[in-house]
Protein backbone atom coordinates (compact mmCIF):
# COMPACT_ATOMS: atom_id res chain seq x y z
CA MET A 1 0.23 45.73 38.07
CA ASN A 2 1.37 42.53 36.84
CA TYR A 3 -0.89 40.40 34.72
CA ASP A 4 -0.07 37.08 34.05
CA LEU A 5 -1.16 36.02 30.15
CA VAL A 6 -1.62 32.23 28.98
CA PHE A 7 -1.49 31.30 25.80
CA THR A 8 -2.21 28.08 24.77
CA LEU A 9 -1.58 26.54 20.92
CA PRO A 10 -5.54 25.40 19.37
CA ASP A 11 -5.21 21.87 18.91
CA HIS A 12 -6.56 19.45 16.06
CA ASN A 13 -10.14 20.04 17.37
CA GLN A 14 -9.86 23.56 17.52
CA LEU A 15 -8.66 24.04 14.10
CA PRO A 16 -10.90 24.18 10.23
CA GLU A 17 -10.61 19.96 8.97
CA SER A 18 -11.12 21.58 5.43
CA ASP A 19 -10.14 24.39 3.56
CA GLY A 20 -13.61 24.35 1.96
CA THR A 21 -12.19 23.31 -1.46
CA PHE A 22 -13.52 19.92 -3.74
CA VAL A 23 -11.67 16.60 -4.03
CA LYS A 24 -10.22 17.50 -7.78
CA ASN A 25 -10.91 14.14 -9.46
CA PHE A 26 -12.88 10.70 -8.55
CA GLN A 27 -9.43 8.83 -8.88
CA GLU A 28 -8.38 10.23 -5.32
CA HIS A 29 -10.51 8.38 -3.24
CA PRO A 30 -9.95 5.11 -4.87
CA GLN A 31 -6.23 5.43 -5.23
CA SER A 32 -5.85 6.85 -1.50
CA ILE A 33 -7.86 3.68 -0.34
CA LEU A 34 -5.34 1.46 -2.40
CA LEU A 35 -2.37 2.96 -1.26
CA THR A 36 -3.35 2.44 2.50
CA ASP A 37 -5.55 -1.21 2.16
CA SER A 38 -2.31 -2.67 -0.09
CA LEU A 39 0.44 -1.60 2.70
CA GLU A 40 -1.56 -2.55 5.94
CA PRO A 41 -0.17 -5.52 6.07
CA VAL A 42 3.74 -4.08 6.05
CA LEU A 43 3.10 -1.63 9.23
CA GLN A 44 1.33 -4.26 11.06
CA GLU A 45 4.52 -5.88 11.45
CA ARG A 46 6.34 -2.93 11.83
CA HIS A 47 3.79 -1.43 14.05
CA PRO A 48 2.33 -4.46 15.94
CA GLU A 49 1.67 -2.01 18.73
CA GLY A 50 -0.99 -0.10 16.08
CA ASN A 51 1.45 3.02 16.96
CA TYR A 52 0.87 5.30 12.98
CA CYS A 53 -1.84 6.86 11.34
CA ILE A 54 -2.38 7.23 7.82
CA GLY A 55 -4.15 10.04 6.61
CA GLN A 56 -6.33 10.60 3.86
CA ASP A 57 -6.85 14.50 2.22
CA CYS A 58 -5.90 15.61 5.57
CA GLY A 59 -4.88 19.36 7.36
CA ILE A 60 -1.13 19.02 8.25
CA TYR A 61 -1.04 22.11 10.75
CA TRP A 62 2.54 23.50 10.75
CA ARG A 63 2.49 27.49 11.53
CA LEU A 64 -0.07 29.44 13.00
CA THR A 65 -2.37 31.92 10.53
CA GLU A 66 -5.09 33.61 9.81
CA PRO A 67 -7.89 32.28 8.91
CA PRO A 68 -6.02 28.94 10.25
CA GLU A 69 -6.44 27.04 7.61
CA LYS A 70 -3.79 28.78 5.62
CA GLY A 71 -1.62 27.17 7.58
CA ALA A 72 -1.57 23.86 6.67
CA GLU A 73 -1.08 21.82 3.94
CA SER A 74 -3.62 18.67 3.03
CA PRO A 75 -1.53 16.07 1.41
CA ASP A 76 -3.37 13.47 -1.25
CA TRP A 77 -2.18 11.11 1.25
CA PHE A 78 0.10 9.96 3.66
CA TYR A 79 2.11 7.85 6.99
CA VAL A 80 3.37 8.45 9.93
CA PRO A 81 5.42 6.07 11.98
CA ASN A 82 5.25 6.10 15.89
CA VAL A 83 1.79 7.88 17.02
CA PRO A 84 -0.97 6.33 17.96
CA PRO A 85 -3.82 5.64 15.56
CA THR A 86 -5.86 8.50 17.74
CA LEU A 87 -5.39 11.09 19.37
CA ASP A 88 -6.15 10.17 23.52
CA GLY A 89 -9.02 8.38 22.37
CA GLN A 90 -10.09 10.98 19.45
CA PHE A 91 -9.95 10.55 15.80
CA ARG A 92 -7.80 13.13 14.59
CA ARG A 93 -9.83 15.95 11.94
CA SER A 94 -6.26 16.97 11.55
CA TYR A 95 -2.33 16.56 12.25
CA VAL A 96 -1.07 19.53 14.22
CA LEU A 97 3.07 19.10 14.33
CA TRP A 98 2.87 21.50 17.24
CA GLN A 99 1.00 19.03 19.12
CA GLU A 100 2.24 15.76 17.61
CA TYR A 101 5.49 16.50 16.91
CA VAL A 102 6.37 13.94 14.88
CA SER A 103 6.38 14.30 10.69
CA PRO A 104 4.77 12.17 8.15
CA LEU A 105 7.30 9.80 7.10
CA ILE A 106 6.38 9.64 3.75
CA VAL A 107 3.69 12.83 1.42
CA LEU A 108 1.79 11.83 -1.97
CA GLU A 109 -0.06 14.43 -4.45
CA PHE A 110 -2.45 13.37 -7.19
CA VAL A 111 -1.70 15.83 -9.30
CA SER A 112 -4.95 16.99 -10.83
CA GLY A 113 -2.93 19.98 -12.64
CA ASP A 114 0.04 20.80 -14.54
CA GLY A 115 1.45 20.04 -11.47
CA SER A 116 3.12 23.31 -10.27
CA GLU A 117 1.36 23.56 -7.29
CA GLU A 118 3.30 20.24 -5.79
CA ARG A 119 5.76 21.24 -7.58
CA ASP A 120 5.98 25.78 -6.05
CA GLN A 121 8.71 26.03 -4.39
CA THR A 122 7.94 29.55 -2.73
CA PRO A 123 9.40 30.39 0.67
CA ILE A 124 6.84 29.60 3.23
CA THR A 125 3.17 29.52 0.59
CA GLY A 126 4.50 26.90 -2.16
CA LYS A 127 3.68 23.17 -1.46
CA PHE A 128 7.17 21.77 -2.24
CA TRP A 129 8.61 24.10 0.35
CA VAL A 130 6.77 23.95 3.05
CA TYR A 131 6.95 20.15 2.85
CA GLU A 132 11.00 20.73 2.28
CA GLN A 133 11.43 23.03 5.04
CA ALA A 134 8.76 23.81 7.00
CA ILE A 135 7.25 20.20 7.99
CA LYS A 136 10.22 18.22 6.62
CA VAL A 137 8.98 15.09 5.43
CA PRO A 138 11.44 12.64 4.54
CA PHE A 139 10.23 11.22 1.54
CA TYR A 140 7.68 13.16 -1.09
CA GLY A 141 5.99 12.28 -4.59
CA ILE A 142 3.82 14.15 -7.30
CA TYR A 143 1.64 11.24 -9.34
CA GLU A 144 0.21 12.79 -12.29
CA VAL A 145 -1.95 9.77 -13.44
CA ARG A 146 -1.99 11.53 -17.37
CA GLN A 147 1.21 11.30 -18.02
CA ARG A 148 2.09 7.96 -15.89
CA ARG A 149 4.44 9.31 -13.78
CA VAL A 150 5.96 9.44 -10.15
CA GLU A 151 7.97 11.80 -9.33
CA VAL A 152 9.85 10.87 -5.64
CA TYR A 153 12.08 13.37 -3.56
CA GLU A 154 14.42 12.15 -0.32
CA LEU A 155 15.48 14.81 1.93
CA VAL A 156 18.83 15.17 1.96
CA ALA A 157 20.64 16.88 4.48
CA GLY A 158 17.65 20.08 4.12
CA ARG A 159 17.23 19.70 0.75
CA TYR A 160 14.67 17.73 -1.72
CA GLN A 161 17.10 15.60 -3.84
CA LEU A 162 15.02 13.58 -6.77
CA VAL A 163 15.52 9.59 -6.62
CA SER A 164 16.21 7.56 -9.39
CA ALA A 165 14.22 4.89 -10.39
CA ASN A 166 15.48 1.04 -9.85
CA GLU A 167 15.84 -1.01 -12.75
CA ARG A 168 11.92 -2.24 -12.89
CA GLY A 169 11.18 1.21 -12.31
CA HIS A 170 10.22 1.10 -8.59
CA PHE A 171 11.17 3.76 -6.44
CA PRO A 172 12.75 2.72 -3.27
CA ILE A 173 11.35 3.63 0.06
CA PRO A 174 13.95 2.06 2.49
CA PRO A 175 12.38 3.02 5.92
CA LEU A 176 9.48 1.10 4.74
CA GLY A 177 11.07 -1.71 2.98
CA VAL A 178 9.21 -0.97 -0.61
CA GLU A 179 8.66 0.95 -3.75
CA LEU A 180 6.89 3.23 -5.24
CA GLY A 181 6.08 2.65 -9.22
CA ILE A 182 3.09 2.48 -11.42
CA TRP A 183 1.15 -0.65 -12.45
CA GLN A 184 -1.58 -0.96 -15.19
CA GLY A 185 -4.85 -2.27 -14.58
CA ARG A 186 -8.16 -2.08 -12.71
CA TYR A 187 -9.24 -1.22 -9.42
CA LEU A 188 -12.77 -1.12 -8.23
CA ASN A 189 -14.47 -0.31 -11.73
CA LEU A 190 -11.59 1.64 -13.01
CA GLU A 191 -9.03 0.33 -15.70
CA LEU A 192 -6.20 3.07 -14.86
CA PRO A 193 -2.09 3.50 -13.86
CA TRP A 194 -2.29 2.89 -10.36
CA LEU A 195 0.21 3.88 -7.91
CA ARG A 196 1.02 1.11 -6.18
CA TRP A 197 3.91 -0.60 -3.59
CA TRP A 198 6.02 -3.21 -4.39
CA ASP A 199 8.19 -5.68 -1.89
CA GLU A 200 12.22 -4.30 -2.17
CA GLN A 201 11.92 -8.03 -4.32
CA GLY A 202 9.57 -6.61 -7.04
CA ASN A 203 6.51 -8.39 -5.90
CA LEU A 204 3.51 -6.53 -5.83
CA LEU A 205 1.64 -5.67 -2.92
CA LEU A 206 -2.15 -6.92 -3.16
CA THR A 207 -4.77 -5.59 -1.38
CA GLY A 208 -7.33 -7.29 1.07
CA GLU A 209 -9.11 -8.16 -1.69
CA GLU A 210 -6.47 -9.67 -3.98
CA ARG A 211 -4.89 -11.52 -1.18
CA ALA A 212 -8.35 -13.18 -0.97
CA GLU A 213 -8.64 -14.01 -4.77
CA LEU A 214 -5.14 -15.13 -4.75
CA GLU A 215 -6.10 -17.67 -1.32
CA ARG A 216 -9.61 -18.80 -3.38
CA GLN A 217 -7.78 -19.36 -6.63
CA GLN A 218 -5.14 -21.29 -4.09
CA LYS A 219 -7.38 -23.31 -2.43
CA GLU A 220 -9.44 -23.85 -5.35
CA LEU A 221 -6.15 -25.37 -7.71
CA ALA A 222 -5.26 -27.40 -4.32
CA GLN A 223 -8.46 -28.81 -4.38
CA GLN A 224 -7.48 -29.50 -8.70
CA GLN A 225 -4.40 -31.45 -6.94
CA ALA A 226 -6.06 -33.57 -5.19
CA GLU A 227 -8.72 -34.68 -7.07
CA LEU A 228 -5.76 -34.99 -10.09
CA GLU A 229 -4.08 -37.61 -7.27
CA ARG A 230 -7.08 -39.31 -6.76
CA GLN A 231 -7.90 -39.94 -9.96
CA GLN A 232 -4.41 -41.01 -10.77
CA LYS A 233 -4.28 -43.40 -7.53
CA GLU A 234 -7.82 -44.78 -8.71
CA LEU A 235 -6.47 -45.35 -12.50
CA ALA A 236 -3.56 -46.88 -10.52
CA GLN A 237 -5.51 -49.43 -8.76
CA GLN A 238 -7.23 -50.36 -11.32
CA GLN A 239 -4.91 -51.02 -13.53
CA ALA A 240 -3.02 -53.18 -10.63
CA GLU A 241 -6.06 -55.41 -11.01
CA LEU A 242 -5.82 -55.30 -14.75
CA GLU A 243 -2.60 -56.92 -13.84
CA ARG A 244 -3.52 -59.41 -11.27
CA GLN A 245 -6.86 -60.71 -13.73
CA ARG A 246 -4.24 -61.02 -16.91
CA ALA A 247 -1.79 -63.15 -14.32
CA GLU A 248 -4.68 -65.13 -13.17
CA ARG A 249 -5.93 -65.64 -16.49
CA LEU A 250 -2.49 -66.69 -18.32
CA ALA A 251 -1.88 -69.17 -15.26
CA ALA A 252 -5.11 -71.04 -15.98
CA GLN A 253 -4.41 -71.34 -19.48
CA LEU A 254 -0.68 -72.76 -18.57
CA ARG A 255 -2.07 -75.28 -15.85
CA ALA A 256 -4.53 -76.33 -18.52
CA LEU A 257 -1.70 -77.29 -21.09
CA GLY A 258 -0.07 -79.14 -17.66
CA ILE A 259 2.27 -76.33 -16.77
CA GLU A 260 2.57 -75.00 -13.12
CA PRO A 261 2.89 -71.18 -13.90
CA GLU A 262 6.21 -70.13 -12.14
CA ASP A 263 5.68 -67.26 -8.73
């Protein structure tokens, strides 16, 4: 007797979207928003058709296990180029490699402990090993806020190599045309060292709120400049009028003495 065995791999709707763990600290959520918000103009320029996605604390499934969530890694932030923003018109519950095929270009982990989990190279189970050997992510960043330090690794010939910082202390990500580094400042209501992007000329990539504030300041400065120019023009007119009146008085005085003033 012949039996046809049909086996279908589960998709993002059938796999767990969480392993049930808590977000490690209160910085993770605003840090992810900051990275996404400031990078958005770059992504819109590189993907005018909108084909990219960003995951924040979302699972990347790379193998089938029992329970299923053991076959996924959940980076704090990652970016995947050249994929539709939704999958078959639905928001992704997770990112399933055997369904999408395209690996993230960069994943970022925000360290809450001692960093050993993020650097674990144990085959199959170690996070570092999975990103390097299984998912094959070209760039992997490990951000330690307490140490004000970020490590960036690049996949070269199948193995991660530590990227050296440039003269600005930033780590270039050439496929994106940006640099990654640490910025000390206030975001939302937190004064912290934040992981941020710069362009290749070393200019900080601003968030939407920062861009709006900069535009407001530029507009205010332009208005002040226009007002200054108006005042200078008015002062010049007043000075010209004073000169005209002085010339008329002098001419009148000369005529009173019987002298016809020259033009």
